Amino acid sequence: MDYVIRPVRAEEWQLVKELRLAALRDPVAPLAFRDTYEKAVRQPDALWKEWAAGSAGPGDGEKRQFVAVAPDGSWAGSVTVLVERPDGEGPFGAAGDIHQAHVVGVFVRPEARGGGVAGELFRAGLDWAWSLGGPRIERVRLYVHEDNLRAAAFYRRIGFVPTGETVPVHGDPTARDLEYAVARP
């Protein structure tokens, strides 16, 4: 694999924006993301700058976005890991029951899929979560749409298991997102 896996840098907000917009144009975006291209493209630059600054290393330690950078400098994919603590507000508004991390925004460009990029992005994200100080992260979780079979198969292959927990898909009361998690090694 010829990619460098690293955290985003605050000044790379335009690349963060471009990759997210590419992800939201992907054919599986309706299954993979709660956001839409139409909504995201209208966001002000200040939002993208804030996201990049908060996701960069060292950042505030509550989220980290990892990217796969090709030899030509282009970004092939990204994974973001958010920290959820029982004593604070979680990234989605509710505090977690345990000290855990939550993987969101998983995307690898179609031309880079199947070559190990996603696995390396996850390895970086999990290593970061397990390395956090303070109360130790006990598990890392993510949600996958019940019809996103390819993603679910990948998550199982790298060690995530279904927990049995589900949440309704925003905007579709008949669909569910399934929780997958991996415990601290």
Protein backbone atom coordinates (compact mmCIF):
# COMPACT_ATOMS: atom_id res chain seq x y z
CA MET A 1 0.00 0.00 0.00
CA ASP A 2 1.48 3.32 -1.07
CA TYR A 3 -0.66 5.54 1.15
CA VAL A 4 0.37 7.48 4.23
CA ILE A 5 -2.25 7.27 6.98
CA ARG A 6 -2.26 10.33 9.24
CA PRO A 7 -4.54 12.76 11.06
CA VAL A 8 -5.84 15.74 9.10
CA ARG A 9 -4.22 19.10 9.69
CA ALA A 10 -6.23 22.20 10.56
CA GLU A 11 -5.13 24.04 7.42
CA GLU A 12 -6.42 21.19 5.21
CA TRP A 13 -10.06 22.16 5.61
CA GLN A 14 -10.57 22.46 1.85
CA LEU A 15 -9.40 18.87 1.34
CA VAL A 16 -11.66 17.75 4.20
CA LYS A 17 -14.57 19.46 2.46
CA GLU A 18 -13.72 18.01 -0.97
CA LEU A 19 -13.43 14.46 0.36
CA ARG A 20 -16.71 14.73 2.28
CA LEU A 21 -18.52 16.05 -0.80
CA ALA A 22 -17.07 13.18 -2.86
CA ALA A 23 -18.30 10.72 -0.21
CA LEU A 24 -21.79 12.20 -0.33
CA ARG A 25 -21.87 11.79 -4.13
CA ASP A 26 -20.98 8.08 -3.87
CA PRO A 27 -23.83 5.77 -4.94
CA VAL A 28 -24.01 4.18 -1.46
CA ALA A 29 -24.11 7.55 0.34
CA PRO A 30 -27.83 7.27 1.21
CA LEU A 31 -27.03 4.07 3.13
CA ALA A 32 -23.76 5.26 4.62
CA PHE A 33 -24.30 8.85 5.72
CA ARG A 34 -26.99 10.85 7.49
CA ASP A 35 -25.90 13.96 5.62
CA THR A 36 -26.64 14.80 1.98
CA TYR A 37 -24.53 16.40 -0.71
CA GLU A 38 -27.12 19.13 -1.19
CA LYS A 39 -26.95 20.12 2.48
CA ALA A 40 -23.17 19.77 2.85
CA VAL A 41 -22.28 21.79 -0.25
CA ARG A 42 -24.17 24.78 1.20
CA GLN A 43 -22.23 24.77 4.49
CA PRO A 44 -20.06 27.84 5.06
CA ASP A 45 -16.29 27.55 4.97
CA ALA A 46 -16.22 28.36 8.69
CA LEU A 47 -17.88 25.00 9.43
CA TRP A 48 -15.25 23.09 7.42
CA LYS A 49 -12.44 25.05 9.08
CA GLU A 50 -13.85 24.28 12.53
CA TRP A 51 -14.23 20.57 11.70
CA ALA A 52 -10.66 20.30 10.39
CA ALA A 53 -9.22 22.17 13.38
CA GLY A 54 -11.14 20.01 15.85
CA SER A 55 -10.22 16.77 14.05
CA ALA A 56 -6.54 17.49 13.67
CA GLY A 57 -3.76 16.23 15.86
CA PRO A 58 -3.33 17.23 18.60
CA GLY A 59 -6.79 18.88 18.59
CA ASP A 60 -8.95 18.73 21.70
CA GLY A 61 -8.59 14.96 22.04
CA GLU A 62 -12.30 14.37 21.50
CA LYS A 63 -12.19 13.52 17.80
CA ARG A 64 -9.64 12.64 15.20
CA GLN A 65 -10.04 12.31 11.45
CA PHE A 66 -7.54 10.08 9.71
CA VAL A 67 -6.87 10.28 5.98
CA ALA A 68 -5.09 8.08 3.46
CA VAL A 69 -2.77 10.26 1.39
CA ALA A 70 -1.55 8.94 -1.97
CA PRO A 71 1.99 9.60 -3.24
CA ASP A 72 0.60 12.41 -5.45
CA GLY A 73 -0.93 14.12 -2.38
CA SER A 74 -4.53 13.22 -3.16
CA TRP A 75 -6.73 11.80 -0.43
CA ALA A 76 -8.05 8.28 -1.03
CA GLY A 77 -10.23 7.96 2.07
CA SER A 78 -11.00 8.91 5.61
CA VAL A 79 -12.24 7.64 8.97
CA THR A 80 -13.27 9.82 11.92
CA VAL A 81 -13.27 8.65 15.54
CA LEU A 82 -15.30 10.52 18.18
CA VAL A 83 -14.88 10.05 21.93
CA GLU A 84 -17.99 9.37 24.03
CA ARG A 85 -17.69 9.66 27.81
CA PRO A 86 -20.38 8.95 30.43
CA ASP A 87 -19.54 12.17 32.25
CA GLY A 88 -19.96 14.48 29.26
CA GLU A 89 -22.14 15.18 26.30
CA GLY A 90 -21.49 12.80 23.44
CA PRO A 91 -21.00 13.88 19.85
CA PHE A 92 -24.64 13.11 19.08
CA GLY A 93 -26.05 14.85 22.15
CA ALA A 94 -26.28 12.00 24.66
CA ALA A 95 -23.52 10.85 26.97
CA GLY A 96 -22.24 7.32 26.48
CA ASP A 97 -22.88 4.63 29.09
CA ILE A 98 -19.18 3.74 29.11
CA HIS A 99 -15.92 5.28 27.96
CA GLN A 100 -16.02 4.49 24.27
CA ALA A 101 -15.19 5.78 20.83
CA HIS A 102 -17.51 6.02 17.86
CA VAL A 103 -16.38 5.63 14.23
CA VAL A 104 -18.18 7.86 11.70
CA GLY A 105 -17.63 9.18 8.20
CA VAL A 106 -16.01 6.06 6.75
CA PHE A 107 -15.21 6.59 3.07
CA VAL A 108 -12.71 5.25 0.56
CA ARG A 109 -12.80 6.46 -3.03
CA PRO A 110 -13.93 3.71 -5.44
CA GLU A 111 -10.56 3.55 -7.21
CA ALA A 112 -8.79 2.87 -3.89
CA ARG A 113 -11.18 0.19 -2.59
CA GLY A 114 -10.01 -3.38 -2.14
CA GLY A 115 -6.36 -2.47 -1.59
CA GLY A 116 -6.23 -2.28 2.19
CA VAL A 117 -6.84 1.47 2.61
CA ALA A 118 -9.94 1.04 4.76
CA GLY A 119 -8.22 -1.47 7.02
CA GLU A 120 -5.25 0.86 7.55
CA LEU A 121 -7.55 3.81 8.27
CA PHE A 122 -9.37 1.72 10.88
CA ARG A 123 -6.08 0.54 12.38
CA ALA A 124 -4.99 4.18 12.85
CA GLY A 125 -8.35 5.16 14.33
CA LEU A 126 -8.47 2.22 16.74
CA ASP A 127 -4.85 2.67 17.79
CA TRP A 128 -5.59 6.32 18.58
CA ALA A 129 -8.72 5.43 20.59
CA TRP A 130 -6.92 2.75 22.60
CA SER A 131 -4.05 5.15 23.33
CA LEU A 132 -6.15 7.92 24.89
CA GLY A 133 -5.33 8.93 28.43
CA GLY A 134 -7.79 9.45 31.24
CA PRO A 135 -10.34 6.72 31.71
CA ARG A 136 -9.49 4.06 29.15
CA ILE A 137 -11.69 3.57 26.13
CA GLU A 138 -13.49 0.26 26.68
CA ARG A 139 -14.83 -0.26 23.19
CA VAL A 140 -15.16 1.30 19.77
CA ARG A 141 -18.52 1.26 18.06
CA LEU A 142 -20.11 2.26 14.78
CA TYR A 143 -23.48 2.05 13.10
CA VAL A 144 -24.17 0.55 9.70
CA HIS A 145 -27.42 0.64 7.73
CA GLU A 146 -29.09 -2.77 7.70
CA ASP A 147 -28.95 -2.80 3.88
CA ASN A 148 -25.27 -1.83 3.65
CA LEU A 149 -24.12 -5.44 3.44
CA ARG A 150 -20.69 -4.71 1.94
CA ALA A 151 -19.77 -2.36 4.80
CA ALA A 152 -21.13 -4.77 7.42
CA ALA A 153 -19.03 -7.60 5.96
CA PHE A 154 -15.91 -5.41 6.10
CA TYR A 155 -16.58 -4.42 9.72
CA ARG A 156 -17.00 -8.07 10.71
CA ARG A 157 -13.80 -9.00 8.86
CA ILE A 158 -11.76 -6.48 10.89
CA GLY A 159 -13.19 -7.64 14.23
CA PHE A 160 -16.38 -5.66 14.84
CA VAL A 161 -19.39 -7.70 15.95
CA PRO A 162 -23.09 -6.84 16.00
CA THR A 163 -24.23 -5.83 19.50
CA GLY A 164 -27.95 -6.32 18.86
CA GLU A 165 -28.61 -2.61 19.39
CA THR A 166 -30.38 -0.72 16.60
CA VAL A 167 -31.50 2.84 15.98
CA PRO A 168 -34.01 4.14 13.46
CA VAL A 169 -32.59 5.65 10.30
CA HIS A 170 -33.22 9.39 10.21
CA GLY A 171 -36.00 10.10 7.72
CA ASP A 172 -36.98 6.44 7.22
CA PRO A 173 -38.90 4.94 10.15
CA THR A 174 -38.93 1.51 8.48
CA ALA A 175 -35.11 1.20 8.27
CA ARG A 176 -32.58 0.54 11.03
CA ASP A 177 -28.92 1.20 11.66
CA LEU A 178 -27.21 -1.72 13.39
CA GLU A 179 -24.58 -1.14 16.05
CA TYR A 180 -21.27 -2.99 15.72
CA ALA A 181 -18.49 -2.82 18.30
CA VAL A 182 -15.05 -4.11 19.12
CA ALA A 183 -13.82 -4.40 22.70
CA ARG A 184 -10.47 -3.18 23.91
CA PRO A 185 -7.81 -5.78 23.08
